[in-house]
């Protein structure tokens, strides 16, 4: 569903645009999109680091983790 957005610009004395007024729904959609983009970027950065660590052999298997955790709990 596409929503029509009426743009209202704030201008200075010379007519230069200095800001914009948004309705609350548009603002909230923009904030959600910004948060989603940040999440995607964080995932991409972590993915590259994890792949590099795996390629360098810097990892532990789940089985080894569980075995070590079991010893600590006893």
PDB file of N, CA and C in Angstrom:
ATOM      1  N   UNK A   1       0.839  -1.180   0.000  1.00  0.00           N
ATOM      2  CA  UNK A   1       0.000   0.000   0.000  1.00  0.00           C
ATOM      3  C   UNK A   1       0.879   1.237   0.000  1.00  0.00           C
ATOM      4  N   UNK A   2       0.745   2.044  -0.997  1.00  0.00           N
ATOM      5  CA  UNK A   2       1.556   3.241  -1.117  1.00  0.00           C
ATOM      6  C   UNK A   2       0.797   4.429  -0.535  1.00  0.00           C
ATOM      7  N   UNK A   3       1.466   5.197   0.305  1.00  0.00           N
ATOM      8  CA  UNK A   3       0.855   6.348   0.939  1.00  0.00           C
ATOM      9  C   UNK A   3       1.369   7.615   0.287  1.00  0.00           C
ATOM     10  N   UNK A   4       0.476   8.524   0.021  1.00  0.00           N
ATOM     11  CA  UNK A   4       0.862   9.805  -0.554  1.00  0.00           C
ATOM     12  C   UNK A   4       1.451  10.674   0.556  1.00  0.00           C
ATOM     13  N   UNK A   5       2.630  11.227   0.328  1.00  0.00           N
ATOM     14  CA  UNK A   5       3.283  12.066   1.313  1.00  0.00           C
ATOM     15  C   UNK A   5       3.329  13.484   0.783  1.00  0.00           C
ATOM     16  N   UNK A   6       2.693  14.375   1.503  1.00  0.00           N
ATOM     17  CA  UNK A   6       2.762  15.788   1.139  1.00  0.00           C
ATOM     18  C   UNK A   6       3.997  16.363   1.803  1.00  0.00           C
ATOM     19  N   UNK A   7       4.901  16.891   1.008  1.00  0.00           N
ATOM     20  CA  UNK A   7       6.137  17.448   1.553  1.00  0.00           C
ATOM     21  C   UNK A   7       5.908  18.904   1.933  1.00  0.00           C
ATOM     22  N   UNK A   8       6.350  19.240   3.125  1.00  0.00           N
ATOM     23  CA  UNK A   8       6.304  20.624   3.574  1.00  0.00           C
ATOM     24  C   UNK A   8       7.717  21.008   3.971  1.00  0.00           C
ATOM     25  N   UNK A   9       8.282  21.948   3.242  1.00  0.00           N
ATOM     26  CA  UNK A   9       9.658  22.350   3.483  1.00  0.00           C
ATOM     27  C   UNK A   9       9.725  23.623   4.305  1.00  0.00           C
ATOM     28  N   UNK A  10      10.748  23.697   5.153  1.00  0.00           N
ATOM     29  CA  UNK A  10      11.060  24.913   5.880  1.00  0.00           C
ATOM     30  C   UNK A  10      12.133  25.632   5.080  1.00  0.00           C
ATOM     31  N   UNK A  11      11.996  26.929   4.933  1.00  0.00           N
ATOM     32  CA  UNK A  11      12.966  27.692   4.146  1.00  0.00           C
ATOM     33  C   UNK A  11      13.488  28.863   4.970  1.00  0.00           C
ATOM     34  N   UNK A  12      14.689  29.311   4.602  1.00  0.00           N
ATOM     35  CA  UNK A  12      15.231  30.491   5.262  1.00  0.00           C
ATOM     36  C   UNK A  12      14.750  31.742   4.526  1.00  0.00           C
ATOM     37  N   UNK A  13      15.235  32.880   4.918  1.00  0.00           N
ATOM     38  CA  UNK A  13      14.790  34.151   4.336  1.00  0.00           C
ATOM     39  C   UNK A  13      15.099  34.245   2.848  1.00  0.00           C
ATOM     40  N   UNK A  14      16.110  33.501   2.370  1.00  0.00           N
ATOM     41  CA  UNK A  14      16.483  33.529   0.955  1.00  0.00           C
ATOM     42  C   UNK A  14      15.745  32.479   0.138  1.00  0.00           C
ATOM     43  N   UNK A  15      14.894  31.693   0.787  1.00  0.00           N
ATOM     44  CA  UNK A  15      14.140  30.659   0.085  1.00  0.00           C
ATOM     45  C   UNK A  15      14.860  29.323   0.000  1.00  0.00           C
ATOM     46  N   UNK A  16      16.026  29.213   0.651  1.00  0.00           N
ATOM     47  CA  UNK A  16      16.772  27.959   0.641  1.00  0.00           C
ATOM     48  C   UNK A  16      16.116  26.975   1.604  1.00  0.00           C
ATOM     49  N   UNK A  17      15.913  25.740   1.150  1.00  0.00           N
ATOM     50  CA  UNK A  17      15.311  24.713   1.996  1.00  0.00           C
ATOM     51  C   UNK A  17      16.261  24.359   3.132  1.00  0.00           C
ATOM     52  N   UNK A  18      15.734  24.410   4.350  1.00  0.00           N
ATOM     53  CA  UNK A  18      16.550  24.111   5.527  1.00  0.00           C
ATOM     54  C   UNK A  18      16.014  22.946   6.337  1.00  0.00           C
ATOM     55  N   UNK A  19      14.811  22.483   6.022  1.00  0.00           N
ATOM     56  CA  UNK A  19      14.215  21.374   6.765  1.00  0.00           C
ATOM     57  C   UNK A  19      12.959  20.898   6.086  1.00  0.00           C
ATOM     58  N   UNK A  20      12.376  19.866   6.659  1.00  0.00           N
ATOM     59  CA  UNK A  20      11.145  19.306   6.107  1.00  0.00           C
ATOM     60  C   UNK A  20      10.262  18.841   7.261  1.00  0.00           C
ATOM     61  N   UNK A  21       8.967  19.028   7.098  1.00  0.00           N
ATOM     62  CA  UNK A  21       7.990  18.549   8.069  1.00  0.00           C
ATOM     63  C   UNK A  21       7.394  17.254   7.547  1.00  0.00           C
ATOM     64  N   UNK A  22       7.345  16.243   8.416  1.00  0.00           N
ATOM     65  CA  UNK A  22       6.793  14.948   8.042  1.00  0.00           C
ATOM     66  C   UNK A  22       5.623  14.634   8.962  1.00  0.00           C
ATOM     67  N   UNK A  23       4.641  13.900   8.431  1.00  0.00           N
ATOM     68  CA  UNK A  23       3.595  13.438   9.334  1.00  0.00           C
ATOM     69  C   UNK A  23       4.177  12.300  10.173  1.00  0.00           C
ATOM     70  N   UNK A  24       3.545  11.980  11.269  1.00  0.00           N
ATOM     71  CA  UNK A  24       4.079  11.012  12.221  1.00  0.00           C
ATOM     72  C   UNK A  24       4.240   9.621  11.611  1.00  0.00           C
ATOM     73  N   UNK A  25       3.293   9.192  10.779  1.00  0.00           N
ATOM     74  CA  UNK A  25       3.393   7.867  10.153  1.00  0.00           C
ATOM     75  C   UNK A  25       4.625   7.762   9.266  1.00  0.00           C
ATOM     76  N   UNK A  26       4.875   8.791   8.487  1.00  0.00           N
ATOM     77  CA  UNK A  26       6.045   8.794   7.604  1.00  0.00           C
ATOM     78  C   UNK A  26       7.327   8.777   8.420  1.00  0.00           C
ATOM     79  N   UNK A  27       7.364   9.579   9.466  1.00  0.00           N
ATOM     80  CA  UNK A  27       8.538   9.621  10.333  1.00  0.00           C
ATOM     81  C   UNK A  27       8.811   8.249  10.947  1.00  0.00           C
ATOM     82  N   UNK A  28       7.766   7.600  11.459  1.00  0.00           N
ATOM     83  CA  UNK A  28       7.938   6.285  12.075  1.00  0.00           C
ATOM     84  C   UNK A  28       8.415   5.249  11.066  1.00  0.00           C
ATOM     85  N   UNK A  29       7.896   5.286   9.835  1.00  0.00           N
ATOM     86  CA  UNK A  29       8.357   4.352   8.805  1.00  0.00           C
ATOM     87  C   UNK A  29       9.824   4.586   8.471  1.00  0.00           C
ATOM     88  N   UNK A  30      10.232   5.838   8.416  1.00  0.00           N
ATOM     89  CA  UNK A  30      11.633   6.151   8.138  1.00  0.00           C
ATOM     90  C   UNK A  30      12.536   5.668   9.272  1.00  0.00           C
ATOM     91  N   UNK A  31      12.110   5.836  10.516  1.00  0.00           N
ATOM     92  CA  UNK A  31      12.904   5.372  11.653  1.00  0.00           C
ATOM     93  C   UNK A  31      13.028   3.846  11.649  1.00  0.00           C
ATOM     94  N   UNK A  32      11.934   3.156  11.357  1.00  0.00           N
ATOM     95  CA  UNK A  32      11.973   1.692  11.295  1.00  0.00           C
ATOM     96  C   UNK A  32      12.902   1.227  10.184  1.00  0.00           C
ATOM     97  N   UNK A  33      12.850   1.887   9.050  1.00  0.00           N
ATOM     98  CA  UNK A  33      13.735   1.536   7.932  1.00  0.00           C
ATOM     99  C   UNK A  33      15.193   1.786   8.312  1.00  0.00           C
ATOM    100  N   UNK A  34      15.450   2.860   9.035  1.00  0.00           N
ATOM    101  CA  UNK A  34      16.805   3.170   9.484  1.00  0.00           C
ATOM    102  C   UNK A  34      17.318   2.087  10.437  1.00  0.00           C
ATOM    103  N   UNK A  35      16.475   1.659  11.375  1.00  0.00           N
ATOM    104  CA  UNK A  35      16.862   0.605  12.306  1.00  0.00           C
ATOM    105  C   UNK A  35      17.105  -0.716  11.585  1.00  0.00           C
ATOM    106  N   UNK A  36      16.264  -1.026  10.618  1.00  0.00           N
ATOM    107  CA  UNK A  36      16.441  -2.265   9.855  1.00  0.00           C
ATOM    108  C   UNK A  36      17.742  -2.233   9.065  1.00  0.00           C
ATOM    109  N   UNK A  37      18.058  -1.098   8.471  1.00  0.00           N
ATOM    110  CA  UNK A  37      19.318  -0.966   7.733  1.00  0.00           C
ATOM    111  C   UNK A  37      20.509  -1.146   8.672  1.00  0.00           C
ATOM    112  N   UNK A  38      20.445  -0.564   9.868  1.00  0.00           N
ATOM    113  CA  UNK A  38      21.535  -0.717  10.838  1.00  0.00           C
ATOM    114  C   UNK A  38      21.704  -2.184  11.224  1.00  0.00           C
ATOM    115  N   UNK A  39      20.595  -2.892  11.404  1.00  0.00           N
ATOM    116  CA  UNK A  39      20.666  -4.318  11.721  1.00  0.00           C
ATOM    117  C   UNK A  39      21.321  -5.104  10.589  1.00  0.00           C
ATOM    118  N   UNK A  40      20.958  -4.802   9.366  1.00  0.00           N
ATOM    119  CA  UNK A  40      21.535  -5.487   8.200  1.00  0.00           C
ATOM    120  C   UNK A  40      23.031  -5.216   8.113  1.00  0.00           C
ATOM    121  N   UNK A  41      23.429  -3.968   8.337  1.00  0.00           N
ATOM    122  CA  UNK A  41      24.849  -3.621   8.280  1.00  0.00           C
ATOM    123  C   UNK A  41      25.639  -4.314   9.382  1.00  0.00           C
ATOM    124  N   UNK A  42      25.066  -4.395  10.582  1.00  0.00           N
ATOM    125  CA  UNK A  42      25.746  -5.083  11.690  1.00  0.00           C
ATOM    126  C   UNK A  42      25.891  -6.568  11.379  1.00  0.00           C
ATOM    127  N   UNK A  43      24.850  -7.167  10.813  1.00  0.00           N
ATOM    128  CA  UNK A  43      24.907  -8.580  10.434  1.00  0.00           C
ATOM    129  C   UNK A  43      25.994  -8.801   9.386  1.00  0.00           C
ATOM    130  N   UNK A  44      26.024  -7.947   8.374  1.00  0.00           N
ATOM    131  CA  UNK A  44      27.027  -8.092   7.316  1.00  0.00           C
ATOM    132  C   UNK A  44      28.440  -7.981   7.880  1.00  0.00           C
ATOM    133  N   UNK A  45      28.666  -7.031   8.786  1.00  0.00           N
ATOM    134  CA  UNK A  45      29.997  -6.860   9.383  1.00  0.00           C
ATOM    135  C   UNK A  45      30.364  -8.080  10.225  1.00  0.00           C
ATOM    136  N   UNK A  46      29.441  -8.586  11.013  1.00  0.00           N
ATOM    137  CA  UNK A  46      29.720  -9.759  11.844  1.00  0.00           C
ATOM    138  C   UNK A  46      29.955 -10.991  10.984  1.00  0.00           C
ATOM    139  N   UNK A  47      29.186 -11.127   9.908  1.00  0.00           N
ATOM    140  CA  UNK A  47      29.326 -12.285   9.025  1.00  0.00           C
ATOM    141  C   UNK A  47      30.732 -12.327   8.436  1.00  0.00           C
ATOM    142  N   UNK A  48      31.226 -11.198   7.968  1.00  0.00           N
ATOM    143  CA  UNK A  48      32.574 -11.162   7.385  1.00  0.00           C
ATOM    144  C   UNK A  48      33.631 -11.542   8.421  1.00  0.00           C
ATOM    145  N   UNK A  49      33.478 -11.058   9.655  1.00  0.00           N
ATOM    146  CA  UNK A  49      34.431 -11.377  10.706  1.00  0.00           C
ATOM    147  C   UNK A  49      34.381 -12.862  11.051  1.00  0.00           C
ATOM    148  N   UNK A  50      33.194 -13.414  11.160  1.00  0.00           N
ATOM    149  CA  UNK A  50      33.039 -14.835  11.493  1.00  0.00           C
ATOM    150  C   UNK A  50      33.632 -15.713  10.400  1.00  0.00           C
ATOM    151  N   UNK A  51      33.388 -15.375   9.152  1.00  0.00           N
ATOM    152  CA  UNK A  51      33.966 -16.157   8.052  1.00  0.00           C
ATOM    153  C   UNK A  51      35.487 -16.108   8.101  1.00  0.00           C
ATOM    154  N   UNK A  52      36.046 -14.959   8.439  1.00  0.00           N
ATOM    155  CA  UNK A  52      37.501 -14.833   8.534  1.00  0.00           C
ATOM    156  C   UNK A  52      38.037 -15.692   9.681  1.00  0.00           C
ATOM    157  N   UNK A  53      37.339 -15.689  10.818  1.00  0.00           N
ATOM    158  CA  UNK A  53      37.778 -16.498  11.951  1.00  0.00           C
ATOM    159  C   UNK A  53      37.696 -17.988  11.631  1.00  0.00           C
ATOM    160  N   UNK A  54      36.663 -18.401  10.958  1.00  0.00           N
ATOM    161  CA  UNK A  54      36.523 -19.806  10.581  1.00  0.00           C
ATOM    162  C   UNK A  54      37.636 -20.198   9.615  1.00  0.00           C
ATOM    163  N   UNK A  55      37.906 -19.348   8.637  1.00  0.00           N
ATOM    164  CA  UNK A  55      38.962 -19.625   7.671  1.00  0.00           C
ATOM    165  C   UNK A  55      40.324 -19.735   8.361  1.00  0.00           C
ATOM    166  N   UNK A  56      40.519 -18.976   9.459  1.00  0.00           N
ATOM    167  CA  UNK A  56      41.788 -19.006  10.190  1.00  0.00           C
ATOM    168  C   UNK A  56      41.829 -20.129  11.224  1.00  0.00           C
ATOM    169  N   UNK A  57      40.739 -20.898  11.328  1.00  0.00           N
ATOM    170  CA  UNK A  57      40.698 -22.001  12.268  1.00  0.00           C
ATOM    171  C   UNK A  57      40.414 -21.577  13.697  1.00  0.00           C
ATOM    172  N   UNK A  58      39.920 -20.372  13.880  1.00  0.00           N
ATOM    173  CA  UNK A  58      39.636 -19.852  15.223  1.00  0.00           C
ATOM    174  C   UNK A  58      38.175 -20.098  15.586  1.00  0.00           C
ATOM    175  N   UNK A  59      37.856 -21.343  15.859  1.00  0.00           N
ATOM    176  CA  UNK A  59      36.481 -21.675  16.214  1.00  0.00           C
ATOM    177  C   UNK A  59      36.473 -22.917  17.084  1.00  0.00           C
ATOM    178  N   UNK A  60      35.349 -23.158  17.696  1.00  0.00           N
ATOM    179  CA  UNK A  60      35.153 -24.352  18.510  1.00  0.00           C
ATOM    180  C   UNK A  60      33.853 -25.001  18.069  1.00  0.00           C
ATOM    181  N   UNK A  61      33.802 -26.297  18.100  1.00  0.00           N
ATOM    182  CA  UNK A  61      32.574 -26.989  17.713  1.00  0.00           C
ATOM    183  C   UNK A  61      31.574 -26.929  18.865  1.00  0.00           C
ATOM    184  N   UNK A  62      30.325 -27.120  18.551  1.00  0.00           N
ATOM    185  CA  UNK A  62      29.292 -27.147  19.575  1.00  0.00           C
ATOM    186  C   UNK A  62      29.536 -28.306  20.543  1.00  0.00           C
ATOM    187  N   UNK A  63      29.964 -29.425  20.024  1.00  0.00           N
ATOM    188  CA  UNK A  63      30.246 -30.583  20.861  1.00  0.00           C
ATOM    189  C   UNK A  63      31.356 -30.266  21.873  1.00  0.00           C
ATOM    190  N   UNK A  64      32.413 -29.609  21.425  1.00  0.00           N
ATOM    191  CA  UNK A  64      33.512 -29.243  22.327  1.00  0.00           C
ATOM    192  C   UNK A  64      33.051 -28.212  23.353  1.00  0.00           C
ATOM    193  N   UNK A  65      32.242 -27.271  22.931  1.00  0.00           N
ATOM    194  CA  UNK A  65      31.710 -26.259  23.845  1.00  0.00           C
ATOM    195  C   UNK A  65      30.870 -26.915  24.939  1.00  0.00           C
ATOM    196  N   UNK A  66      29.976 -27.812  24.528  1.00  0.00           N
ATOM    197  CA  UNK A  66      29.117 -28.496  25.496  1.00  0.00           C
ATOM    198  C   UNK A  66      29.936 -29.339  26.464  1.00  0.00           C
ATOM    199  N   UNK A  67      30.955 -30.004  25.949  1.00  0.00           N
ATOM    200  CA  UNK A  67      31.804 -30.844  26.816  1.00  0.00           C
ATOM    201  C   UNK A  67      32.522 -29.982  27.840  1.00  0.00           C
ATOM    202  N   UNK A  68      33.053 -28.854  27.427  1.00  0.00           N
ATOM    203  CA  UNK A  68      33.734 -27.944  28.355  1.00  0.00           C
ATOM    204  C   UNK A  68      32.785 -27.332  29.356  1.00  0.00           C
ATOM    205  N   UNK A  69      31.609 -27.026  28.917  1.00  0.00           N
ATOM    206  CA  UNK A  69      30.603 -26.424  29.799  1.00  0.00           C
ATOM    207  C   UNK A  69      30.133 -27.434  30.851  1.00  0.00           C
ATOM    208  N   UNK A  70      30.005 -28.680  30.443  1.00  0.00           N
ATOM    209  CA  UNK A  70      29.593 -29.731  31.372  1.00  0.00           C
ATOM    210  C   UNK A  70      30.598 -29.933  32.472  1.00  0.00           C
ATOM    211  N   UNK A  71      31.891 -29.842  32.156  1.00  0.00           N
ATOM    212  CA  UNK A  71      32.941 -30.002  33.177  1.00  0.00           C
ATOM    213  C   UNK A  71      32.914 -28.856  34.169  1.00  0.00           C
ATOM    214  N   UNK A  72      32.657 -27.646  33.712  1.00  0.00           N
ATOM    215  CA  UNK A  72      32.644 -26.482  34.598  1.00  0.00           C
ATOM    216  C   UNK A  72      31.463 -26.519  35.563  1.00  0.00           C
ATOM    217  N   UNK A  73      30.351 -27.075  35.133  1.00  0.00           N
ATOM    218  CA  UNK A  73      29.149 -27.092  35.966  1.00  0.00           C
ATOM    219  C   UNK A  73      29.264 -28.079  37.117  1.00  0.00           C
ATOM    220  N   UNK A  74      30.099 -29.086  36.986  1.00  0.00           N
ATOM    221  CA  UNK A  74      30.214 -30.123  38.016  1.00  0.00           C
ATOM    222  C   UNK A  74      31.019 -29.688  39.195  1.00  0.00           C
TER     223      UNK A  74
END
